[in-house]
C-alpha cells in the first residue's frame, strides 16, 4: 500500500512539473462582431438625460397608506 501511495504521489508531482513547464498557449483573439452586423446597445447604456418617450407610472401605495 505504501508503494502505491508513493508511486501515485510521484506521478502527481511529475504531472504538475510537466504542466508547469508546458502551459497551453493562450487562445487566439476572436472578433467581437462579424463584419456588417450592427452592435447591440443596452437600455442602461443610453444617456441618462435622453428622453425615452414613455412616462413612468406612479408607484402603487403601500399597505401603510390604507391605515387611518
Protein backbone atom coordinates (compact mmCIF):
# COMPACT_ATOMS: atom_id res chain seq x y z
CA UNK A 1 0.00 0.00 0.00
CA UNK A 2 2.88 2.33 0.80
CA UNK A 3 4.41 1.70 -2.62
CA UNK A 4 1.11 2.52 -4.33
CA UNK A 5 0.81 5.79 -2.39
CA UNK A 6 4.37 6.84 -3.18
CA UNK A 7 4.01 5.96 -6.87
CA UNK A 8 0.77 7.97 -7.14
CA UNK A 9 2.44 10.87 -5.35
CA UNK A 10 5.38 10.71 -7.75
CA UNK A 11 3.05 10.63 -10.78
CA UNK A 12 1.17 13.62 -9.39
CA UNK A 13 4.37 15.64 -8.90
CA UNK A 14 5.63 14.67 -12.37
CA UNK A 15 2.33 15.72 -13.96
CA UNK A 16 2.43 19.07 -12.15
CA UNK A 17 6.02 19.67 -13.31
CA UNK A 18 5.06 18.80 -16.90
CA UNK A 19 2.07 21.16 -16.88
CA UNK A 20 4.13 23.93 -15.24
CA UNK A 21 6.85 23.73 -17.90
CA UNK A 22 4.48 23.34 -20.87
CA UNK A 23 1.45 25.61 -20.38
CA UNK A 24 -1.29 25.77 -23.00
CA UNK A 25 -0.92 28.63 -25.47
CA UNK A 26 -3.39 31.49 -25.00
CA UNK A 27 -6.46 31.34 -27.24
CA UNK A 28 -6.39 33.34 -30.44
CA UNK A 29 -8.18 36.68 -30.50
CA UNK A 30 -11.69 36.47 -31.89
CA UNK A 31 -13.55 39.35 -33.48
CA UNK A 32 -16.36 40.63 -31.26
CA UNK A 33 -18.74 41.08 -34.18
CA UNK A 34 -18.84 39.76 -37.67
CA UNK A 35 -18.47 42.37 -40.40
CA UNK A 36 -21.73 44.09 -41.26
CA UNK A 37 -23.54 43.21 -38.01
CA UNK A 38 -24.71 46.28 -36.08
CA UNK A 39 -23.65 46.47 -32.47
CA UNK A 40 -26.21 45.97 -29.72
CA UNK A 41 -26.78 48.79 -27.27
CA UNK A 42 -28.40 48.01 -23.93
CA UNK A 43 -31.04 50.27 -22.43
CA UNK A 44 -28.81 51.01 -19.44
CA UNK A 45 -26.06 52.21 -21.77
CA UNK A 46 -28.20 55.04 -23.13
CA UNK A 47 -27.51 58.55 -21.98
CA UNK A 48 -29.15 59.23 -18.62
CA UNK A 49 -30.72 62.51 -19.74
CA UNK A 50 -32.14 61.24 -23.05
CA UNK A 51 -35.95 61.13 -23.14
CA UNK A 52 -37.38 57.65 -23.53
CA UNK A 53 -40.76 58.67 -24.93
CA UNK A 54 -42.68 56.87 -22.17
CA UNK A 55 -43.70 58.23 -18.80
CA UNK A 56 -43.02 56.06 -15.80
CA UNK A 57 -46.17 55.10 -13.84
CA UNK A 58 -46.52 56.32 -10.29
CA UNK A 59 -45.66 53.71 -7.66
CA UNK A 60 -48.59 51.93 -6.06
CA UNK A 61 -49.33 52.95 -2.48
CA UNK A 62 -48.02 50.59 0.15
CA UNK A 63 -50.10 48.90 2.87
CA UNK A 64 -49.43 51.81 5.29
CA UNK A 65 -51.43 54.20 3.02
CA UNK A 66 -54.73 52.48 3.90
CA UNK A 67 -54.34 52.82 7.70
CA UNK A 68 -56.43 55.59 9.38
